[in-house]
Amino acid sequence: MIADAWTISPTLTGQHVTLRPTVLDDRDGIVAAGADGKISELFFTNASTLTDPDAFMAALFKERDFGRAMPFTVCTPDGRVVGLTRYMRMNAGHKRLEIGGTFYAKSVQRTGVNTEAKLLLLTHAFEVMGCNAVQIRTDWFNKRSQAAIERLGAKRDGVLRNHQVMDGRVRDLVVYSIIATEWAGVRQNLRFLLARHA
């Protein structure tokens, strides 16, 4: 484990995608990614809060500045912004974090972008940050996201009922996790899935 890995946001680069620390100038690209396929209109996604882009970005950077999150702008090899993801609920003492707040432009869904992004994030979390556990949460109504998380190899821990209020709606969240002893198998699975997009 590298000590400053919990405080310094890395740039993670693969064949299909680069994840780099989010900056304010990414605002318009992030909004455009949310509009591609009308992702921001899906009430059960975090992208729905992009209706107020300035508040969205302010909240993103507030969590980062408190040391609880590392937001990453998702870019294709040509530099186009196609989404957003982040480490959230970071706790260095317990060596755990969550990967969440993720959305991608519809134009890059099912292209290997999500698989490689998760491979990069999980590799850094387990192999550089020394995580014991990584969680992924999604809305009860986001069935596509649940299927994608299960395809990665995460295991379903349960449902947090009435856990969160978003835009006036009380949300149930489905919680998944990957623990350190499972990482080798999950990594092999992700590499296998990614090879199909080579």
C-alpha atoms as a PDB file:
ATOM      1  CA  MET A   1       0.000   0.000   0.000  1.00  0.00           C
ATOM      2  CA  ILE A   2       1.245   3.490  -0.882  1.00  0.00           C
ATOM      3  CA  ALA A   3       0.515   5.936   1.952  1.00  0.00           C
ATOM      4  CA  ASP A   4      -0.464   8.970  -0.153  1.00  0.00           C
ATOM      5  CA  ALA A   5      -2.658   6.853  -2.444  1.00  0.00           C
ATOM      6  CA  TRP A   6      -5.618   7.880  -0.262  1.00  0.00           C
ATOM      7  CA  THR A   7      -4.964  11.595  -0.805  1.00  0.00           C
ATOM      8  CA  ILE A   8      -3.549  11.980  -4.316  1.00  0.00           C
ATOM      9  CA  SER A   9      -5.899  11.344  -7.247  1.00  0.00           C
ATOM     10  CA  PRO A  10      -4.199   9.271  -9.952  1.00  0.00           C
ATOM     11  CA  THR A  11      -4.706   9.252 -13.689  1.00  0.00           C
ATOM     12  CA  LEU A  12      -5.573   5.692 -14.740  1.00  0.00           C
ATOM     13  CA  THR A  13      -5.087   4.768 -18.388  1.00  0.00           C
ATOM     14  CA  GLY A  14      -6.154   1.714 -20.338  1.00  0.00           C
ATOM     15  CA  GLN A  15      -6.707   0.825 -23.982  1.00  0.00           C
ATOM     16  CA  HIS A  16     -10.320   2.023 -24.202  1.00  0.00           C
ATOM     17  CA  VAL A  17     -10.460   4.692 -21.536  1.00  0.00           C
ATOM     18  CA  THR A  18      -8.564   7.170 -19.383  1.00  0.00           C
ATOM     19  CA  LEU A  19      -9.788   8.174 -15.942  1.00  0.00           C
ATOM     20  CA  ARG A  20      -8.324  11.488 -14.857  1.00  0.00           C
ATOM     21  CA  PRO A  21      -9.030  13.723 -11.879  1.00  0.00           C
ATOM     22  CA  THR A  22     -12.109  15.850 -12.577  1.00  0.00           C
ATOM     23  CA  VAL A  23     -11.566  19.597 -12.992  1.00  0.00           C
ATOM     24  CA  LEU A  24     -14.088  22.421 -13.280  1.00  0.00           C
ATOM     25  CA  ASP A  25     -13.431  22.751 -17.031  1.00  0.00           C
ATOM     26  CA  ASP A  26     -14.936  19.253 -17.461  1.00  0.00           C
ATOM     27  CA  ARG A  27     -18.407  20.611 -16.572  1.00  0.00           C
ATOM     28  CA  ASP A  28     -19.742  20.988 -20.126  1.00  0.00           C
ATOM     29  CA  GLY A  29     -18.348  17.621 -21.235  1.00  0.00           C
ATOM     30  CA  ILE A  30     -19.921  15.891 -18.242  1.00  0.00           C
ATOM     31  CA  VAL A  31     -23.273  17.556 -18.943  1.00  0.00           C
ATOM     32  CA  ALA A  32     -23.052  16.505 -22.607  1.00  0.00           C
ATOM     33  CA  ALA A  33     -22.263  12.903 -21.598  1.00  0.00           C
ATOM     34  CA  GLY A  34     -25.336  12.894 -19.350  1.00  0.00           C
ATOM     35  CA  ALA A  35     -27.459  14.231 -22.211  1.00  0.00           C
ATOM     36  CA  ASP A  36     -26.243  11.547 -24.664  1.00  0.00           C
ATOM     37  CA  GLY A  37     -29.047   9.010 -24.550  1.00  0.00           C
ATOM     38  CA  LYS A  38     -30.886  11.205 -22.043  1.00  0.00           C
ATOM     39  CA  ILE A  39     -29.098   9.487 -19.157  1.00  0.00           C
ATOM     40  CA  SER A  40     -29.674  12.576 -17.024  1.00  0.00           C
ATOM     41  CA  GLU A  41     -33.440  12.059 -17.368  1.00  0.00           C
ATOM     42  CA  LEU A  42     -33.364   8.671 -15.616  1.00  0.00           C
ATOM     43  CA  PHE A  43     -34.765   9.431 -12.167  1.00  0.00           C
ATOM     44  CA  PHE A  44     -32.930   6.523 -10.534  1.00  0.00           C
ATOM     45  CA  THR A  45     -29.414   7.649 -11.515  1.00  0.00           C
ATOM     46  CA  ASN A  46     -27.078  10.199  -9.980  1.00  0.00           C
ATOM     47  CA  ALA A  47     -26.897  11.811 -13.417  1.00  0.00           C
ATOM     48  CA  SER A  48     -30.440  13.088 -12.822  1.00  0.00           C
ATOM     49  CA  THR A  49     -28.949  15.756 -10.534  1.00  0.00           C
ATOM     50  CA  LEU A  50     -27.202  17.266 -13.578  1.00  0.00           C
ATOM     51  CA  THR A  51     -30.305  19.417 -14.039  1.00  0.00           C
ATOM     52  CA  ASP A  52     -28.285  21.953 -12.010  1.00  0.00           C
ATOM     53  CA  PRO A  53     -24.732  21.485 -13.337  1.00  0.00           C
ATOM     54  CA  ASP A  54     -23.148  24.112 -11.099  1.00  0.00           C
ATOM     55  CA  ALA A  55     -24.618  22.586  -7.936  1.00  0.00           C
ATOM     56  CA  PHE A  56     -23.636  19.117  -9.196  1.00  0.00           C
ATOM     57  CA  MET A  57     -20.002  20.161  -9.683  1.00  0.00           C
ATOM     58  CA  ALA A  58     -19.909  22.053  -6.369  1.00  0.00           C
ATOM     59  CA  ALA A  59     -21.127  18.961  -4.490  1.00  0.00           C
ATOM     60  CA  LEU A  60     -18.567  16.821  -6.327  1.00  0.00           C
ATOM     61  CA  PHE A  61     -15.670  19.065  -5.309  1.00  0.00           C
ATOM     62  CA  LYS A  62     -16.962  19.508  -1.745  1.00  0.00           C
ATOM     63  CA  GLU A  63     -16.741  15.751  -1.153  1.00  0.00           C
ATOM     64  CA  ARG A  64     -13.299  15.701  -2.776  1.00  0.00           C
ATOM     65  CA  ASP A  65     -12.035  18.571  -0.630  1.00  0.00           C
ATOM     66  CA  PHE A  66     -13.239  16.814   2.543  1.00  0.00           C
ATOM     67  CA  GLY A  67     -11.152  13.781   1.514  1.00  0.00           C
ATOM     68  CA  ARG A  68     -14.190  11.539   1.159  1.00  0.00           C
ATOM     69  CA  ALA A  69     -14.140  11.215  -2.628  1.00  0.00           C
ATOM     70  CA  MET A  70     -11.956  11.196  -5.727  1.00  0.00           C
ATOM     71  CA  PRO A  71     -13.968  12.083  -8.853  1.00  0.00           C
ATOM     72  CA  PHE A  72     -12.691  10.904 -12.225  1.00  0.00           C
ATOM     73  CA  THR A  73     -13.652  12.225 -15.639  1.00  0.00           C
ATOM     74  CA  VAL A  74     -13.962   9.335 -18.086  1.00  0.00           C
ATOM     75  CA  CYS A  75     -12.379  10.012 -21.482  1.00  0.00           C
ATOM     76  CA  THR A  76     -11.933   8.016 -24.677  1.00  0.00           C
ATOM     77  CA  PRO A  77      -8.407   7.733 -26.158  1.00  0.00           C
ATOM     78  CA  ASP A  78      -9.098  10.792 -28.347  1.00  0.00           C
ATOM     79  CA  GLY A  79      -9.816  12.874 -25.233  1.00  0.00           C
ATOM     80  CA  ARG A  80     -13.620  13.047 -25.513  1.00  0.00           C
ATOM     81  CA  VAL A  81     -15.406  13.227 -22.147  1.00  0.00           C
ATOM     82  CA  VAL A  82     -17.889  10.339 -22.018  1.00  0.00           C
ATOM     83  CA  GLY A  83     -18.777  10.055 -18.358  1.00  0.00           C
ATOM     84  CA  LEU A  84     -17.944  10.344 -14.716  1.00  0.00           C
ATOM     85  CA  THR A  85     -17.081   7.929 -11.931  1.00  0.00           C
ATOM     86  CA  ARG A  86     -15.573   8.276  -8.490  1.00  0.00           C
ATOM     87  CA  TYR A  87     -14.238   6.743  -5.347  1.00  0.00           C
ATOM     88  CA  MET A  88     -16.742   7.644  -2.615  1.00  0.00           C
ATOM     89  CA  ARG A  89     -17.196   7.094   1.117  1.00  0.00           C
ATOM     90  CA  MET A  90     -13.436   6.657   1.399  1.00  0.00           C
ATOM     91  CA  ASN A  91     -12.157   5.444   4.769  1.00  0.00           C
ATOM     92  CA  ALA A  92      -8.406   4.869   4.918  1.00  0.00           C
ATOM     93  CA  GLY A  93      -8.559   3.626   8.517  1.00  0.00           C
ATOM     94  CA  HIS A  94     -10.866   0.771   7.586  1.00  0.00           C
ATOM     95  CA  LYS A  95      -9.307   0.405   4.117  1.00  0.00           C
ATOM     96  CA  ARG A  96     -12.614   0.563   2.301  1.00  0.00           C
ATOM     97  CA  LEU A  97     -14.306   2.728  -0.270  1.00  0.00           C
ATOM     98  CA  GLU A  98     -17.158   2.726  -2.745  1.00  0.00           C
ATOM     99  CA  ILE A  99     -17.046   3.079  -6.514  1.00  0.00           C
ATOM    100  CA  GLY A 100     -20.100   5.060  -7.507  1.00  0.00           C
ATOM    101  CA  GLY A 101     -21.733   8.118  -8.965  1.00  0.00           C
ATOM    102  CA  THR A 102     -20.969   6.522 -12.302  1.00  0.00           C
ATOM    103  CA  PHE A 103     -22.604   7.268 -15.627  1.00  0.00           C
ATOM    104  CA  TYR A 104     -21.565   7.028 -19.259  1.00  0.00           C
ATOM    105  CA  ALA A 105     -22.829   8.532 -22.487  1.00  0.00           C
ATOM    106  CA  LYS A 106     -25.082   6.060 -24.253  1.00  0.00           C
ATOM    107  CA  SER A 107     -22.719   6.100 -27.249  1.00  0.00           C
ATOM    108  CA  VAL A 108     -20.032   4.260 -25.253  1.00  0.00           C
ATOM    109  CA  GLN A 109     -22.202   1.831 -23.323  1.00  0.00           C
ATOM    110  CA  ARG A 110     -21.458  -1.835 -24.068  1.00  0.00           C
ATOM    111  CA  THR A 111     -18.128  -0.891 -25.691  1.00  0.00           C
ATOM    112  CA  GLY A 112     -15.721  -2.004 -22.980  1.00  0.00           C
ATOM    113  CA  VAL A 113     -15.510   1.454 -21.389  1.00  0.00           C
ATOM    114  CA  ASN A 114     -17.243   0.444 -18.143  1.00  0.00           C
ATOM    115  CA  THR A 115     -15.424  -2.884 -17.880  1.00  0.00           C
ATOM    116  CA  GLU A 116     -12.019  -1.273 -18.318  1.00  0.00           C
ATOM    117  CA  ALA A 117     -12.890   1.644 -16.030  1.00  0.00           C
ATOM    118  CA  LYS A 118     -13.870  -0.806 -13.273  1.00  0.00           C
ATOM    119  CA  LEU A 119     -10.705  -2.847 -13.876  1.00  0.00           C
ATOM    120  CA  LEU A 120      -8.566   0.289 -13.539  1.00  0.00           C
ATOM    121  CA  LEU A 121     -10.397   1.524 -10.425  1.00  0.00           C
ATOM    122  CA  LEU A 122     -10.417  -1.841  -8.691  1.00  0.00           C
ATOM    123  CA  THR A 123      -6.759  -2.534  -9.509  1.00  0.00           C
ATOM    124  CA  HIS A 124      -5.770   0.795  -7.980  1.00  0.00           C
ATOM    125  CA  ALA A 125      -8.035   0.274  -4.954  1.00  0.00           C
ATOM    126  CA  PHE A 126      -6.794  -3.215  -4.100  1.00  0.00           C
ATOM    127  CA  GLU A 127      -3.199  -3.140  -5.343  1.00  0.00           C
ATOM    128  CA  VAL A 128      -2.137   0.452  -4.625  1.00  0.00           C
ATOM    129  CA  MET A 129      -4.490   1.665  -1.876  1.00  0.00           C
ATOM    130  CA  GLY A 130      -4.570  -1.714  -0.120  1.00  0.00           C
ATOM    131  CA  CYS A 131      -8.353  -1.891   0.252  1.00  0.00           C
ATOM    132  CA  ASN A 132      -9.982  -4.662   2.239  1.00  0.00           C
ATOM    133  CA  ALA A 133     -13.340  -4.076   0.567  1.00  0.00           C
ATOM    134  CA  VAL A 134     -14.832  -2.067  -2.288  1.00  0.00           C
ATOM    135  CA  GLN A 135     -18.567  -1.434  -2.391  1.00  0.00           C
ATOM    136  CA  ILE A 136     -20.798  -0.570  -5.338  1.00  0.00           C
ATOM    137  CA  ARG A 137     -24.341   0.672  -4.734  1.00  0.00           C
ATOM    138  CA  THR A 138     -27.215   1.302  -7.097  1.00  0.00           C
ATOM    139  CA  ASP A 139     -30.853   2.297  -6.977  1.00  0.00           C
ATOM    140  CA  TRP A 140     -33.428  -0.464  -6.524  1.00  0.00           C
ATOM    141  CA  PHE A 141     -35.067   0.561  -9.819  1.00  0.00           C
ATOM    142  CA  ASN A 142     -31.824   0.545 -11.819  1.00  0.00           C
ATOM    143  CA  LYS A 143     -32.012  -3.065 -12.982  1.00  0.00           C
ATOM    144  CA  ARG A 144     -29.511  -2.529 -15.823  1.00  0.00           C
ATOM    145  CA  SER A 145     -26.924  -1.280 -13.347  1.00  0.00           C
ATOM    146  CA  GLN A 146     -27.540  -4.248 -11.030  1.00  0.00           C
ATOM    147  CA  ALA A 147     -26.967  -6.671 -13.920  1.00  0.00           C
ATOM    148  CA  ALA A 148     -23.764  -4.842 -14.915  1.00  0.00           C
ATOM    149  CA  ILE A 149     -22.420  -4.920 -11.350  1.00  0.00           C
ATOM    150  CA  GLU A 150     -23.135  -8.639 -11.046  1.00  0.00           C
ATOM    151  CA  ARG A 151     -21.451  -9.258 -14.412  1.00  0.00           C
ATOM    152  CA  LEU A 152     -18.274  -7.689 -12.987  1.00  0.00           C
ATOM    153  CA  GLY A 153     -18.188 -10.313 -10.242  1.00  0.00           C
ATOM    154  CA  ALA A 154     -19.348  -8.253  -7.251  1.00  0.00           C
ATOM    155  CA  LYS A 155     -21.549 -10.028  -4.715  1.00  0.00           C
ATOM    156  CA  ARG A 156     -24.856  -8.653  -3.503  1.00  0.00           C
ATOM    157  CA  ASP A 157     -24.762  -7.818   0.204  1.00  0.00           C
ATOM    158  CA  GLY A 158     -28.358  -6.655   0.550  1.00  0.00           C
ATOM    159  CA  VAL A 159     -30.781  -3.754   0.242  1.00  0.00           C
ATOM    160  CA  LEU A 160     -30.642  -0.563   2.308  1.00  0.00           C
ATOM    161  CA  ARG A 161     -34.321   0.354   2.544  1.00  0.00           C
ATOM    162  CA  ASN A 162     -35.386   4.012   2.675  1.00  0.00           C
ATOM    163  CA  HIS A 163     -31.688   4.847   2.828  1.00  0.00           C
ATOM    164  CA  GLN A 164     -31.531   8.091   0.898  1.00  0.00           C
ATOM    165  CA  VAL A 165     -33.672  10.986  -0.300  1.00  0.00           C
ATOM    166  CA  MET A 166     -32.935  12.241  -3.816  1.00  0.00           C
ATOM    167  CA  ASP A 167     -35.094  14.852  -5.531  1.00  0.00           C
ATOM    168  CA  GLY A 168     -37.816  14.238  -2.946  1.00  0.00           C
ATOM    169  CA  ARG A 169     -37.944  10.478  -3.519  1.00  0.00           C
ATOM    170  CA  VAL A 170     -36.940   8.014  -0.812  1.00  0.00           C
ATOM    171  CA  ARG A 171     -34.541   5.523  -2.369  1.00  0.00           C
ATOM    172  CA  ASP A 172     -33.759   1.902  -1.606  1.00  0.00           C
ATOM    173  CA  LEU A 173     -30.145   1.100  -2.466  1.00  0.00           C
ATOM    174  CA  VAL A 174     -28.847  -2.320  -3.504  1.00  0.00           C
ATOM    175  CA  VAL A 175     -25.365  -2.873  -2.054  1.00  0.00           C
ATOM    176  CA  TYR A 176     -22.669  -5.032  -3.645  1.00  0.00           C
ATOM    177  CA  SER A 177     -19.073  -5.590  -2.618  1.00  0.00           C
ATOM    178  CA  ILE A 178     -15.800  -7.164  -3.618  1.00  0.00           C
ATOM    179  CA  ILE A 179     -13.386  -8.103  -0.835  1.00  0.00           C
ATOM    180  CA  ALA A 180      -9.624  -8.423  -1.079  1.00  0.00           C
ATOM    181  CA  THR A 181      -9.628 -12.232  -1.084  1.00  0.00           C
ATOM    182  CA  GLU A 182     -11.980 -12.196  -4.107  1.00  0.00           C
ATOM    183  CA  TRP A 183      -9.971  -9.674  -6.098  1.00  0.00           C
ATOM    184  CA  ALA A 184      -7.806 -12.160  -8.045  1.00  0.00           C
ATOM    185  CA  GLY A 185     -10.895 -13.923  -9.411  1.00  0.00           C
ATOM    186  CA  VAL A 186     -12.725 -10.691 -10.191  1.00  0.00           C
ATOM    187  CA  ARG A 187      -9.621  -9.337 -11.963  1.00  0.00           C
ATOM    188  CA  GLN A 188      -9.439 -12.484 -14.116  1.00  0.00           C
ATOM    189  CA  ASN A 189     -13.132 -12.129 -14.966  1.00  0.00           C
ATOM    190  CA  LEU A 190     -12.765  -8.456 -15.915  1.00  0.00           C
ATOM    191  CA  ARG A 191      -9.776  -9.218 -18.149  1.00  0.00           C
ATOM    192  CA  PHE A 192     -11.765 -11.991 -19.816  1.00  0.00           C
ATOM    193  CA  LEU A 193     -14.737  -9.658 -20.424  1.00  0.00           C
ATOM    194  CA  LEU A 194     -12.461  -6.900 -21.694  1.00  0.00           C
ATOM    195  CA  ALA A 195     -10.707  -9.209 -24.179  1.00  0.00           C
ATOM    196  CA  ARG A 196     -14.008  -9.508 -26.047  1.00  0.00           C
ATOM    197  CA  HIS A 197     -13.758  -5.803 -26.892  1.00  0.00           C
ATOM    198  CA  ALA A 198     -10.170  -5.987 -28.138  1.00  0.00           C
END
